[in-house]
Structure formats: structure tokens, C-alpha cells
């Protein structure tokens, strides 16, 4: 199977898992607070990540020493924490799950276009094309229809 299809399937699975995570976190925040729900979610995620890491390190013992990343690379959990916190708040609002998810995806796409255009975070610069602008207009229009149409 083509690597492009495997990566697309993995990205699709990631989107489904993101929706499930946000739904579970917002449900948990109904019984606690959004901040408590975020802390619980990240604690469980940290434990699970530690278990995966320990299995990975055991597997890598025979290979050459692993490269150490920059400290900045480990700060990705901070936006993740805010994502969980803000999603738990917005999902339990009139915006609901679908509105929250579509606006999160819109924000991700718009920010990723900026990252590509300016070459932030070591990404290779890429010019924004007319197709990118058209895609953003259609995405924002569809998001508006989804939210206003409720």
C-alpha cells in the first residue's frame, strides 16, 4: 500500500480520536470543572505516554544512542493543555461539539498556512497560492453555515 494512503488513514484516525477526546473531556467537565478535566486528561495521557516510551526505549537499546531534542520541542503539551481546557468549555456551550471541532480545524489550517508562509519552527517556506486562499474562504463559509444553521 502507498505510504500516502497510510499517512492519510493515520491522520483521519487522529481526527476521530481528537473528536472522541474532546467529547469525553467535555462530559468530564460537566461533573468537575474544565480545569480539573484538563488535569485528569493530561495525567492519564502522561502515564500512557510513559508506558509507550518505556517500551520504545527497550526496543531501541540495541540501536545507536537516540538523539536529544531541543527543550522547545517538549513544550508542545502547553498548547495541548489549553486545547483540552478551551474545548471542554466550548463543547458545553451553545457552540456544541461540531461547532467546536470545525472552528478548531479552521484555526489549525489558518495557523499552518502562516507557519508555511513564514517558515516558522524550522519549516520550509512555502508560498500561499490562490487555491489556499480559496480553500480558506470555503472553509470559513462552511464553518459559518454549520454554526449559524443550528
Protein backbone atom coordinates (compact mmCIF):
# COMPACT_ATOMS: atom_id res chain seq x y z
CA UNK A 1 0.00 0.00 0.00
CA UNK A 2 1.20 3.50 -0.80
CA UNK A 3 2.73 5.46 2.09
CA UNK A 4 0.49 8.43 1.21
CA UNK A 5 -2.62 6.35 1.89
CA UNK A 6 -1.28 5.03 5.19
CA UNK A 7 -0.46 8.56 6.35
CA UNK A 8 -3.90 9.77 5.26
CA UNK A 9 -5.54 6.95 7.20
CA UNK A 10 -3.45 7.80 10.26
CA UNK A 11 -4.46 11.48 10.00
CA UNK A 12 -8.12 10.50 9.66
CA UNK A 13 -7.84 8.26 12.71
CA UNK A 14 -6.21 11.11 14.60
CA UNK A 15 -9.19 13.34 13.80
CA UNK A 16 -11.63 10.73 15.05
CA UNK A 17 -9.62 10.30 18.24
CA UNK A 18 -9.50 14.08 18.70
CA UNK A 19 -13.29 14.26 18.49
CA UNK A 20 -13.66 11.41 20.97
CA UNK A 21 -11.17 13.04 23.34
CA UNK A 22 -12.94 16.39 23.25
CA UNK A 23 -16.34 14.77 23.78
CA UNK A 24 -15.06 12.74 26.75
CA UNK A 25 -13.29 15.76 28.27
CA UNK A 26 -16.34 17.98 27.95
CA UNK A 27 -18.50 15.29 29.55
CA UNK A 28 -15.99 15.01 32.39
CA UNK A 29 -16.00 18.79 32.84
CA UNK A 30 -19.76 18.66 33.46
CA UNK A 31 -19.07 16.74 36.68
CA UNK A 32 -15.96 18.68 37.68
CA UNK A 33 -14.51 21.89 36.24
CA UNK A 34 -12.86 22.33 32.83
CA UNK A 35 -9.50 22.81 34.55
CA UNK A 36 -9.87 19.61 36.58
CA UNK A 37 -10.93 17.72 33.47
CA UNK A 38 -7.84 19.01 31.66
CA UNK A 39 -5.54 17.96 34.52
CA UNK A 40 -7.07 14.49 34.71
CA UNK A 41 -6.85 14.01 30.97
CA UNK A 42 -3.22 15.07 30.82
CA UNK A 43 -2.29 12.94 33.81
CA UNK A 44 -3.76 9.86 32.16
CA UNK A 45 -2.14 10.80 28.84
CA UNK A 46 1.23 11.26 30.55
CA UNK A 47 1.04 7.84 32.19
CA UNK A 48 0.06 6.23 28.90
CA UNK A 49 2.87 8.07 27.06
CA UNK A 50 5.37 6.95 29.70
CA UNK A 51 4.35 3.33 29.20
CA UNK A 52 4.73 3.64 25.42
CA UNK A 53 8.08 5.41 25.86
CA UNK A 54 9.41 2.68 28.15
CA UNK A 55 8.51 0.00 25.60
CA UNK A 56 10.08 2.11 22.85
CA UNK A 57 13.32 2.63 24.80
CA UNK A 58 13.61 -1.12 25.48
CA UNK A 59 13.29 -1.73 21.77
CA UNK A 60 15.88 0.94 20.95
CA UNK A 61 18.55 -0.23 23.46
CA UNK A 62 20.38 -2.22 20.77
CA UNK A 63 20.46 0.70 18.33
CA UNK A 64 22.76 3.71 18.48
CA UNK A 65 22.12 6.35 21.11
CA UNK A 66 18.98 8.35 20.49
CA UNK A 67 19.29 12.00 19.61
CA UNK A 68 18.24 14.54 22.20
CA UNK A 69 15.80 17.20 21.13
CA UNK A 70 15.79 20.86 21.90
CA UNK A 71 13.92 21.90 25.04
CA UNK A 72 11.47 23.81 22.85
CA UNK A 73 10.28 20.54 21.32
CA UNK A 74 8.98 19.35 24.67
CA UNK A 75 6.73 22.37 25.15
CA UNK A 76 4.07 21.01 22.78
CA UNK A 77 1.99 19.93 25.76
CA UNK A 78 1.25 23.54 26.69
CA UNK A 79 -0.96 24.24 23.65
CA UNK A 80 -2.44 20.76 24.12
CA UNK A 81 -3.43 21.63 27.67
CA UNK A 82 -5.12 24.82 26.55
CA UNK A 83 -6.83 22.93 23.72
CA UNK A 84 -8.40 20.50 26.17
CA UNK A 85 -9.37 23.27 28.57
CA UNK A 86 -10.94 25.52 25.93
CA UNK A 87 -12.64 22.61 24.17
CA UNK A 88 -14.22 21.47 27.43
CA UNK A 89 -15.66 24.95 27.85
CA UNK A 90 -16.88 25.45 24.27
CA UNK A 91 -18.37 21.99 23.78
CA UNK A 92 -20.68 22.56 26.75
CA UNK A 93 -21.83 25.88 25.27
CA UNK A 94 -24.35 26.56 22.50
CA UNK A 95 -21.46 26.02 20.07
CA UNK A 96 -21.58 22.24 20.82
CA UNK A 97 -19.17 19.54 19.64
CA UNK A 98 -19.49 20.05 15.88
CA UNK A 99 -19.05 23.83 16.11
CA UNK A 100 -16.06 23.47 18.41
CA UNK A 101 -14.38 20.89 16.17
CA UNK A 102 -14.92 22.82 12.94
CA UNK A 103 -13.55 26.03 14.48
CA UNK A 104 -10.55 24.15 15.89
CA UNK A 105 -9.81 22.69 12.47
CA UNK A 106 -10.24 26.11 10.85
CA UNK A 107 -7.79 27.60 13.36
CA UNK A 108 -5.30 24.80 12.70
CA UNK A 109 -5.44 25.26 8.94
CA UNK A 110 -5.14 29.05 9.07
CA UNK A 111 -2.23 28.89 11.52
CA UNK A 112 -0.50 26.17 9.49
CA UNK A 113 -0.73 28.37 6.39
CA UNK A 114 1.01 31.16 8.33
CA UNK A 115 3.69 28.73 9.53
CA UNK A 116 4.26 27.57 5.95
CA UNK A 117 4.33 31.12 4.57
CA UNK A 118 6.81 32.49 7.12
CA UNK A 119 8.83 29.32 7.72
CA UNK A 120 8.29 29.34 11.48
CA UNK A 121 9.55 26.46 13.65
CA UNK A 122 12.10 25.40 11.04
CA UNK A 123 9.50 24.52 8.40
CA UNK A 124 10.46 25.07 4.76
CA UNK A 125 8.85 28.26 3.47
CA UNK A 126 6.02 27.78 1.01
CA UNK A 127 4.14 30.49 -0.85
CA UNK A 128 0.42 30.80 -0.22
CA UNK A 129 -1.38 30.14 -3.50
CA UNK A 130 -4.78 31.16 -4.82
CA UNK A 131 -6.01 27.65 -4.07
CA UNK A 132 -5.02 28.11 -0.41
CA UNK A 133 -6.97 31.37 -0.20
CA UNK A 134 -9.99 29.78 -1.92
CA UNK A 135 -9.81 26.84 0.49
CA UNK A 136 -9.77 29.22 3.48
CA UNK A 137 -12.77 31.16 2.17
CA UNK A 138 -14.72 27.95 1.60
CA UNK A 139 -13.70 26.56 4.98
CA UNK A 140 -14.77 29.70 6.84
CA UNK A 141 -18.02 29.81 4.85
CA UNK A 142 -18.77 26.18 5.68
CA UNK A 143 -17.91 26.75 9.33
CA UNK A 144 -20.25 29.73 9.43
CA UNK A 145 -23.07 27.70 7.89
CA UNK A 146 -22.55 24.89 10.37
CA UNK A 147 -22.60 27.22 13.38
CA UNK A 148 -25.28 29.70 12.26
CA UNK A 149 -27.50 26.96 10.84
CA UNK A 150 -28.11 25.40 14.25
